[in-house]
Amino acid sequence: MSLESLTEQVKGQAPQLATLGYKVKFDIEEEGAILIDGTVNPVTVDNVDADADCTISLNADRLEQLMDGSLSPTLAYTLGQIKVDGSLGVAMKLVSLLES
């Protein structure tokens, strides 16, 4: 899946992230970045590679699996399929909002 398609998929989840309160960046191997800015209302999602409270590094396939629910974020983290830099608590809050 392309960066543009993944970005659109994340944008579709933006209304669920209204209470996130942090900036989270998906650093996608060989594709680019998707930045979720949950500090503004409405939440913005774009491809800016800027500083974030939490950066989740993974490949495009893993992000697609996380977004469609076929991959458990906890399992992916435990198995080293995704890496989290910054606040793990923010990553966990993101997961709980996406699952609700």
Protein backbone atom coordinates (compact mmCIF):
# COMPACT_ATOMS: atom_id res chain seq x y z
CA MET A 1 0.00 0.00 0.00
CA SER A 2 1.30 3.46 -0.85
CA LEU A 3 2.03 6.24 1.62
CA GLU A 4 -0.92 8.20 0.23
CA SER A 5 -3.31 5.27 0.76
CA LEU A 6 -2.03 4.69 4.28
CA THR A 7 -2.39 8.39 5.07
CA GLU A 8 -6.00 8.34 3.86
CA GLN A 9 -6.68 5.27 6.00
CA VAL A 10 -5.27 7.05 9.08
CA LYS A 11 -7.29 10.19 8.22
CA GLY A 12 -10.40 8.03 8.27
CA GLN A 13 -9.65 7.24 11.91
CA ALA A 14 -8.99 10.89 12.90
CA PRO A 15 -12.42 11.53 14.49
CA GLN A 16 -11.73 8.73 16.99
CA LEU A 17 -8.50 10.48 18.00
CA ALA A 18 -10.07 13.74 19.19
CA THR A 19 -8.98 13.11 22.79
CA LEU A 20 -5.44 11.95 21.95
CA GLY A 21 -3.80 15.19 23.07
CA TYR A 22 -0.36 14.32 21.64
CA LYS A 23 1.56 14.19 18.39
CA VAL A 24 2.26 10.69 17.09
CA LYS A 25 4.37 9.91 14.05
CA PHE A 26 4.39 6.70 12.05
CA ASP A 27 7.87 6.38 10.52
CA ILE A 28 7.25 4.02 7.62
CA GLU A 29 10.33 2.25 6.25
CA GLU A 30 11.26 3.43 2.75
CA GLU A 31 7.95 5.34 2.40
CA GLY A 32 8.00 8.41 4.63
CA ALA A 33 6.08 9.60 7.66
CA ILE A 34 2.51 10.10 8.78
CA LEU A 35 2.06 12.66 11.56
CA ILE A 36 -1.09 12.67 13.67
CA ASP A 37 -1.47 15.95 15.56
CA GLY A 38 -3.88 15.28 18.37
CA THR A 39 -3.06 18.59 20.07
CA VAL A 40 -5.42 20.49 17.75
CA ASN A 41 -9.13 20.24 17.13
CA PRO A 42 -9.94 18.81 14.68
CA VAL A 43 -7.09 16.29 14.66
CA THR A 44 -4.83 16.70 11.63
CA VAL A 45 -3.08 13.94 9.70
CA ASP A 46 -0.38 14.70 7.13
CA ASN A 47 2.97 13.53 5.80
CA VAL A 48 5.17 16.02 7.64
CA ASP A 49 8.27 14.49 9.20
CA ALA A 50 8.27 16.60 12.37
CA ASP A 51 8.95 16.05 16.06
CA ALA A 52 6.35 14.01 17.91
CA ASP A 53 5.70 12.84 21.46
CA CYS A 54 5.84 9.27 20.19
CA THR A 55 7.32 7.80 17.01
CA ILE A 56 6.25 4.35 15.87
CA SER A 57 8.64 2.80 13.34
CA LEU A 58 7.33 0.02 11.12
CA ASN A 59 6.89 -1.01 7.51
CA ALA A 60 3.86 -0.24 5.35
CA ASP A 61 2.45 -3.77 5.60
CA ARG A 62 2.53 -3.69 9.41
CA LEU A 63 0.75 -0.32 9.50
CA GLU A 64 -1.94 -1.62 7.17
CA GLN A 65 -2.39 -4.69 9.41
CA LEU A 66 -2.57 -2.52 12.54
CA MET A 67 -5.16 -0.25 10.94
CA ASP A 68 -7.41 -3.08 9.75
CA GLY A 69 -7.16 -4.92 13.07
CA SER A 70 -5.45 -8.04 11.76
CA LEU A 71 -2.30 -7.39 13.85
CA SER A 72 -2.28 -6.84 17.59
CA PRO A 73 -0.20 -3.74 18.46
CA THR A 74 0.96 -5.36 21.70
CA LEU A 75 2.06 -8.54 19.92
CA ALA A 76 3.79 -6.56 17.15
CA TYR A 77 5.68 -4.52 19.75
CA THR A 78 6.61 -7.60 21.78
CA LEU A 79 7.90 -9.41 18.69
CA GLY A 80 9.90 -6.36 17.57
CA GLN A 81 7.81 -5.86 14.42
CA ILE A 82 7.25 -2.25 15.46
CA LYS A 83 9.48 0.03 17.49
CA VAL A 84 8.34 2.87 19.73
CA ASP A 85 10.50 5.91 20.46
CA GLY A 86 9.29 8.40 23.01
CA SER A 87 6.33 7.81 25.26
CA LEU A 88 5.04 4.24 25.29
CA GLY A 89 2.02 5.57 27.22
CA VAL A 90 1.09 7.78 24.26
CA ALA A 91 1.36 4.77 21.93
CA MET A 92 -0.93 2.80 24.22
CA LYS A 93 -3.44 5.66 24.32
CA LEU A 94 -3.41 5.75 20.50
CA VAL A 95 -4.10 2.02 20.39
CA SER A 96 -7.01 2.27 22.83
CA LEU A 97 -8.59 5.11 20.84
CA LEU A 98 -8.25 3.24 17.55
CA GLU A 99 -9.78 0.10 19.03
CA SER A 100 -12.80 1.95 20.45
